[in-house]
Amino acid sequence: MVILTEAEKNEMCKIVAEHLPKLRQLLNLTQAELGYLCGFSRIRVSQIETGKAQMSWSQLTSVMFVCELNLSAKEYIYANNILGTRFLQFIQRKDENIPPDINVTVRREIVNRTFDI
């Protein structure tokens, strides 16, 4: 099974934090609403989005759970390969040589779509 190092987890948290405003836009949520759904405060969401605080691993997994239940956010994550194969293998408890199961088809218009923040 894939085991992620702390460095890999920290890098994934950094990547998701960079995309958080776009993900929130796709989810049509305010910072307060996202924080409520994920179990942390609006202030924490703001700090993560502005780079004043680092996203924790548990916060990343909470955000990913919310995103997985929204088609547009899910497509954006897959189309932009935000977390990559190792994250999926880790979550799905796969060996490195076994490709992860991907259960989303990305619509062509999402692949090249830009989002205003």
N, C-alpha and C. Protein backbone atom coordinates (compact mmCIF):
# COMPACT_ATOMS: atom_id res chain seq x y z
N MET A 1 0.84 -1.19 0.00
CA MET A 1 0.00 0.00 0.00
C MET A 1 0.88 1.25 0.00
N VAL A 2 0.37 2.28 -0.67
CA VAL A 2 1.08 3.55 -0.69
C VAL A 2 1.02 4.18 0.69
N ILE A 3 2.17 4.58 1.16
CA ILE A 3 2.28 5.32 2.42
C ILE A 3 2.85 6.69 2.07
N LEU A 4 2.14 7.74 2.43
CA LEU A 4 2.61 9.09 2.15
C LEU A 4 3.52 9.57 3.26
N THR A 5 4.59 10.24 2.88
CA THR A 5 5.49 10.84 3.87
C THR A 5 4.86 12.15 4.37
N GLU A 6 5.36 12.65 5.47
CA GLU A 6 4.87 13.94 5.97
C GLU A 6 5.15 15.04 4.96
N ALA A 7 6.28 14.95 4.28
CA ALA A 7 6.61 15.95 3.25
C ALA A 7 5.60 15.91 2.11
N GLU A 8 5.20 14.71 1.69
CA GLU A 8 4.19 14.59 0.64
C GLU A 8 2.85 15.16 1.10
N LYS A 9 2.46 14.85 2.33
CA LYS A 9 1.20 15.36 2.86
C LYS A 9 1.23 16.89 2.94
N ASN A 10 2.35 17.44 3.41
CA ASN A 10 2.48 18.89 3.51
C ASN A 10 2.40 19.55 2.14
N GLU A 11 3.02 18.93 1.14
CA GLU A 11 2.96 19.46 -0.23
C GLU A 11 1.54 19.40 -0.77
N MET A 12 0.82 18.32 -0.49
CA MET A 12 -0.57 18.21 -0.93
C MET A 12 -1.43 19.27 -0.25
N CYS A 13 -1.19 19.52 1.02
CA CYS A 13 -1.93 20.57 1.74
C CYS A 13 -1.68 21.93 1.10
N LYS A 14 -0.44 22.18 0.74
CA LYS A 14 -0.07 23.45 0.10
C LYS A 14 -0.79 23.60 -1.24
N ILE A 15 -0.83 22.54 -2.03
CA ILE A 15 -1.48 22.58 -3.34
C ILE A 15 -2.98 22.83 -3.20
N VAL A 16 -3.62 22.12 -2.29
CA VAL A 16 -5.07 22.30 -2.10
C VAL A 16 -5.36 23.71 -1.60
N ALA A 17 -4.53 24.23 -0.71
CA ALA A 17 -4.72 25.59 -0.21
C ALA A 17 -4.66 26.61 -1.35
N GLU A 18 -3.77 26.39 -2.31
CA GLU A 18 -3.67 27.31 -3.46
C GLU A 18 -4.94 27.28 -4.31
N HIS A 19 -5.60 26.14 -4.36
CA HIS A 19 -6.81 25.98 -5.16
C HIS A 19 -8.10 26.22 -4.36
N LEU A 20 -7.98 26.45 -3.08
CA LEU A 20 -9.16 26.56 -2.23
C LEU A 20 -10.15 27.64 -2.67
N PRO A 21 -9.71 28.85 -3.04
CA PRO A 21 -10.70 29.84 -3.50
C PRO A 21 -11.48 29.36 -4.72
N LYS A 22 -10.82 28.70 -5.66
CA LYS A 22 -11.51 28.19 -6.85
C LYS A 22 -12.46 27.06 -6.49
N LEU A 23 -12.03 26.20 -5.59
CA LEU A 23 -12.90 25.10 -5.16
C LEU A 23 -14.13 25.65 -4.45
N ARG A 24 -13.93 26.64 -3.60
CA ARG A 24 -15.07 27.26 -2.90
C ARG A 24 -16.04 27.88 -3.88
N GLN A 25 -15.49 28.51 -4.93
CA GLN A 25 -16.34 29.12 -5.97
C GLN A 25 -17.17 28.04 -6.66
N LEU A 26 -16.54 26.93 -6.99
CA LEU A 26 -17.27 25.83 -7.63
C LEU A 26 -18.33 25.24 -6.71
N LEU A 27 -18.04 25.22 -5.44
CA LEU A 27 -18.99 24.70 -4.46
C LEU A 27 -20.09 25.72 -4.15
N ASN A 28 -19.88 26.96 -4.60
CA ASN A 28 -20.81 28.05 -4.32
C ASN A 28 -20.99 28.26 -2.82
N LEU A 29 -19.85 28.29 -2.12
CA LEU A 29 -19.86 28.43 -0.67
C LEU A 29 -19.06 29.65 -0.23
N THR A 30 -19.51 30.29 0.83
CA THR A 30 -18.72 31.33 1.47
C THR A 30 -17.64 30.66 2.31
N GLN A 31 -16.71 31.45 2.80
CA GLN A 31 -15.70 30.90 3.70
C GLN A 31 -16.36 30.31 4.95
N ALA A 32 -17.37 31.01 5.46
CA ALA A 32 -18.06 30.52 6.66
C ALA A 32 -18.78 29.20 6.39
N GLU A 33 -19.42 29.09 5.24
CA GLU A 33 -20.15 27.86 4.90
C GLU A 33 -19.19 26.69 4.71
N LEU A 34 -18.07 26.93 4.01
CA LEU A 34 -17.09 25.86 3.84
C LEU A 34 -16.53 25.43 5.19
N GLY A 35 -16.18 26.40 6.01
CA GLY A 35 -15.67 26.08 7.34
C GLY A 35 -16.66 25.26 8.15
N TYR A 36 -17.91 25.64 8.09
CA TYR A 36 -18.95 24.91 8.83
C TYR A 36 -19.04 23.46 8.35
N LEU A 37 -19.05 23.26 7.04
CA LEU A 37 -19.15 21.90 6.49
C LEU A 37 -17.92 21.05 6.83
N CYS A 38 -16.77 21.71 6.91
CA CYS A 38 -15.51 20.99 7.14
C CYS A 38 -15.11 20.92 8.60
N GLY A 39 -15.78 21.66 9.46
CA GLY A 39 -15.48 21.59 10.88
C GLY A 39 -14.40 22.55 11.37
N PHE A 40 -14.18 23.63 10.63
CA PHE A 40 -13.27 24.66 11.13
C PHE A 40 -13.85 26.04 10.82
N SER A 41 -13.23 27.08 11.32
CA SER A 41 -13.83 28.41 11.29
C SER A 41 -13.63 29.14 9.96
N ARG A 42 -14.45 30.16 9.75
CA ARG A 42 -14.29 31.04 8.59
C ARG A 42 -12.93 31.71 8.63
N ILE A 43 -12.50 32.08 9.81
CA ILE A 43 -11.19 32.72 9.96
C ILE A 43 -10.09 31.78 9.49
N ARG A 44 -10.19 30.51 9.84
CA ARG A 44 -9.19 29.53 9.42
C ARG A 44 -9.18 29.38 7.90
N VAL A 45 -10.37 29.34 7.29
CA VAL A 45 -10.46 29.25 5.83
C VAL A 45 -9.77 30.46 5.21
N SER A 46 -10.06 31.64 5.73
CA SER A 46 -9.44 32.87 5.22
C SER A 46 -7.92 32.83 5.37
N GLN A 47 -7.44 32.38 6.52
CA GLN A 47 -6.00 32.30 6.75
C GLN A 47 -5.33 31.33 5.78
N ILE A 48 -5.98 30.22 5.51
CA ILE A 48 -5.44 29.23 4.56
C ILE A 48 -5.42 29.83 3.16
N GLU A 49 -6.50 30.46 2.76
CA GLU A 49 -6.59 31.03 1.41
C GLU A 49 -5.58 32.15 1.18
N THR A 50 -5.26 32.90 2.21
CA THR A 50 -4.32 34.02 2.06
C THR A 50 -2.88 33.64 2.37
N GLY A 51 -2.66 32.38 2.75
CA GLY A 51 -1.31 31.92 3.03
C GLY A 51 -0.80 32.28 4.41
N LYS A 52 -1.67 32.76 5.29
CA LYS A 52 -1.27 33.11 6.65
C LYS A 52 -1.21 31.90 7.57
N ALA A 53 -1.83 30.82 7.15
CA ALA A 53 -1.80 29.57 7.93
C ALA A 53 -1.70 28.41 6.95
N GLN A 54 -1.06 27.35 7.40
CA GLN A 54 -0.94 26.15 6.57
C GLN A 54 -2.12 25.24 6.84
N MET A 55 -2.65 24.66 5.78
CA MET A 55 -3.74 23.70 5.89
C MET A 55 -3.20 22.42 6.53
N SER A 56 -3.95 21.86 7.47
CA SER A 56 -3.55 20.59 8.08
C SER A 56 -4.06 19.42 7.23
N TRP A 57 -3.51 18.25 7.49
CA TRP A 57 -3.94 17.05 6.77
C TRP A 57 -5.42 16.77 7.01
N SER A 58 -5.87 16.92 8.24
CA SER A 58 -7.29 16.65 8.53
C SER A 58 -8.18 17.69 7.84
N GLN A 59 -7.72 18.92 7.71
CA GLN A 59 -8.49 19.92 6.99
C GLN A 59 -8.54 19.58 5.50
N LEU A 60 -7.43 19.12 4.95
CA LEU A 60 -7.41 18.71 3.55
C LEU A 60 -8.42 17.58 3.31
N THR A 61 -8.42 16.58 4.15
CA THR A 61 -9.34 15.46 3.94
C THR A 61 -10.80 15.91 4.09
N SER A 62 -11.06 16.86 4.97
CA SER A 62 -12.42 17.40 5.11
C SER A 62 -12.84 18.13 3.84
N VAL A 63 -11.96 18.95 3.31
CA VAL A 63 -12.26 19.70 2.08
C VAL A 63 -12.48 18.72 0.92
N MET A 64 -11.63 17.71 0.82
CA MET A 64 -11.77 16.74 -0.27
C MET A 64 -13.09 15.98 -0.17
N PHE A 65 -13.53 15.68 1.05
CA PHE A 65 -14.81 14.99 1.22
C PHE A 65 -15.94 15.86 0.67
N VAL A 66 -15.95 17.14 1.02
CA VAL A 66 -16.99 18.04 0.53
C VAL A 66 -16.92 18.15 -0.99
N CYS A 67 -15.71 18.27 -1.53
CA CYS A 67 -15.54 18.39 -2.98
C CYS A 67 -15.98 17.13 -3.73
N GLU A 68 -15.74 15.98 -3.16
CA GLU A 68 -16.12 14.72 -3.82
C GLU A 68 -17.63 14.60 -4.00
N LEU A 69 -18.39 15.35 -3.23
CA LEU A 69 -19.85 15.28 -3.32
C LEU A 69 -20.43 16.36 -4.22
N ASN A 70 -19.56 17.09 -4.94
CA ASN A 70 -19.99 18.13 -5.86
C ASN A 70 -19.33 17.87 -7.21
N LEU A 71 -20.12 17.68 -8.24
CA LEU A 71 -19.60 17.28 -9.55
C LEU A 71 -18.60 18.28 -10.11
N SER A 72 -18.90 19.57 -10.08
CA SER A 72 -18.00 20.57 -10.66
C SER A 72 -16.67 20.62 -9.92
N ALA A 73 -16.70 20.58 -8.60
CA ALA A 73 -15.46 20.59 -7.83
C ALA A 73 -14.66 19.32 -8.07
N LYS A 74 -15.35 18.21 -8.13
CA LYS A 74 -14.69 16.92 -8.38
C LYS A 74 -14.03 16.92 -9.76
N GLU A 75 -14.73 17.41 -10.76
CA GLU A 75 -14.16 17.49 -12.11
C GLU A 75 -12.92 18.39 -12.12
N TYR A 76 -13.01 19.51 -11.43
CA TYR A 76 -11.88 20.45 -11.38
C TYR A 76 -10.65 19.78 -10.76
N ILE A 77 -10.86 19.04 -9.69
CA ILE A 77 -9.76 18.35 -9.01
C ILE A 77 -9.11 17.33 -9.94
N TYR A 78 -9.91 16.54 -10.63
CA TYR A 78 -9.37 15.53 -11.53
C TYR A 78 -8.77 16.15 -12.79
N ALA A 79 -9.43 17.14 -13.37
CA ALA A 79 -8.95 17.76 -14.60
C ALA A 79 -7.60 18.44 -14.39
N ASN A 80 -7.40 18.99 -13.21
CA ASN A 80 -6.15 19.70 -12.90
C ASN A 80 -5.16 18.84 -12.13
N ASN A 81 -5.50 17.57 -11.94
CA ASN A 81 -4.62 16.63 -11.23
C ASN A 81 -4.08 17.25 -9.94
N ILE A 82 -4.97 17.81 -9.15
CA ILE A 82 -4.56 18.57 -7.98
C ILE A 82 -3.80 17.72 -6.97
N LEU A 83 -4.25 16.53 -6.68
CA LEU A 83 -3.55 15.71 -5.69
C LEU A 83 -2.80 14.53 -6.29
N GLY A 84 -3.09 14.19 -7.49
CA GLY A 84 -2.31 13.17 -8.17
C GLY A 84 -2.64 11.74 -7.78
N THR A 85 -1.95 10.86 -8.45
CA THR A 85 -2.18 9.42 -8.33
C THR A 85 -1.87 8.91 -6.92
N ARG A 86 -0.78 9.37 -6.32
CA ARG A 86 -0.39 8.83 -5.01
C ARG A 86 -1.45 9.10 -3.95
N PHE A 87 -2.10 10.25 -3.99
CA PHE A 87 -3.17 10.54 -3.03
C PHE A 87 -4.30 9.53 -3.19
N LEU A 88 -4.70 9.32 -4.45
CA LEU A 88 -5.79 8.37 -4.70
C LEU A 88 -5.40 6.95 -4.29
N GLN A 89 -4.18 6.55 -4.59
CA GLN A 89 -3.72 5.22 -4.18
C GLN A 89 -3.70 5.11 -2.66
N PHE A 90 -3.28 6.16 -1.99
CA PHE A 90 -3.24 6.17 -0.52
C PHE A 90 -4.65 6.02 0.05
N ILE A 91 -5.57 6.84 -0.43
CA ILE A 91 -6.95 6.82 0.08
C ILE A 91 -7.63 5.49 -0.24
N GLN A 92 -7.33 4.95 -1.41
CA GLN A 92 -7.96 3.69 -1.83
C GLN A 92 -7.18 2.46 -1.36
N ARG A 93 -6.09 2.69 -0.63
CA ARG A 93 -5.26 1.61 -0.08
C ARG A 93 -4.73 0.69 -1.17
N LYS A 94 -4.22 1.29 -2.23
CA LYS A 94 -3.68 0.55 -3.37
C LYS A 94 -2.16 0.47 -3.26
N ASP A 95 -1.59 -0.53 -3.91
CA ASP A 95 -0.14 -0.59 -4.07
C ASP A 95 0.28 0.42 -5.13
N GLU A 96 1.55 0.81 -5.10
CA GLU A 96 2.05 1.79 -6.05
C GLU A 96 1.91 1.35 -7.50
N ASN A 97 1.96 0.06 -7.75
CA ASN A 97 1.88 -0.43 -9.12
C ASN A 97 0.45 -0.70 -9.58
N ILE A 98 -0.54 -0.40 -8.73
CA ILE A 98 -1.94 -0.60 -9.09
C ILE A 98 -2.59 0.77 -9.27
N PRO A 99 -3.07 1.07 -10.47
CA PRO A 99 -3.67 2.39 -10.69
C PRO A 99 -4.92 2.58 -9.82
N PRO A 100 -5.15 3.81 -9.39
CA PRO A 100 -6.35 4.08 -8.57
C PRO A 100 -7.62 4.00 -9.42
N ASP A 101 -8.71 3.74 -8.74
CA ASP A 101 -10.02 3.78 -9.38
C ASP A 101 -10.43 5.24 -9.50
N ILE A 102 -10.81 5.64 -10.69
CA ILE A 102 -11.28 7.01 -10.90
C ILE A 102 -12.71 6.92 -11.38
N ASN A 103 -13.60 7.52 -10.61
CA ASN A 103 -15.02 7.38 -10.90
C ASN A 103 -15.66 8.70 -11.33
N VAL A 104 -14.94 9.43 -12.18
CA VAL A 104 -15.50 10.67 -12.70
C VAL A 104 -15.08 10.83 -14.15
N THR A 105 -16.00 11.31 -14.95
CA THR A 105 -15.69 11.69 -16.31
C THR A 105 -15.68 13.21 -16.32
N VAL A 106 -14.61 13.77 -16.80
CA VAL A 106 -14.48 15.22 -16.81
C VAL A 106 -15.03 15.75 -18.13
N ARG A 107 -15.99 16.65 -18.00
CA ARG A 107 -16.55 17.28 -19.19
C ARG A 107 -15.50 18.16 -19.85
N ARG A 108 -15.45 18.17 -21.18
CA ARG A 108 -14.44 18.91 -21.93
C ARG A 108 -14.44 20.40 -21.56
N GLU A 109 -15.58 21.00 -21.35
CA GLU A 109 -15.64 22.43 -21.04
C GLU A 109 -15.01 22.77 -19.69
N ILE A 110 -14.88 21.79 -18.80
CA ILE A 110 -14.25 22.01 -17.50
C ILE A 110 -12.74 22.03 -17.61
N VAL A 111 -12.18 21.25 -18.52
CA VAL A 111 -10.73 21.10 -18.61
C VAL A 111 -10.05 22.44 -18.85
N ASN A 112 -10.55 23.26 -19.75
CA ASN A 112 -9.90 24.52 -20.08
C ASN A 112 -10.60 25.73 -19.46
N ARG A 113 -11.47 25.50 -18.54
CA ARG A 113 -12.24 26.58 -17.92
C ARG A 113 -11.39 27.37 -16.95
N THR A 114 -11.53 28.67 -16.95
CA THR A 114 -10.85 29.53 -15.98
C THR A 114 -11.90 30.07 -15.03
N PHE A 115 -11.47 30.39 -13.84
CA PHE A 115 -12.38 30.86 -12.81
C PHE A 115 -11.88 32.16 -12.24
N ASP A 116 -12.75 33.13 -12.15
CA ASP A 116 -12.40 34.39 -11.50
C ASP A 116 -12.58 34.25 -10.02
N ILE A 117 -11.66 34.81 -9.28
CA ILE A 117 -11.77 34.74 -7.82
C ILE A 117 -12.19 36.09 -7.28
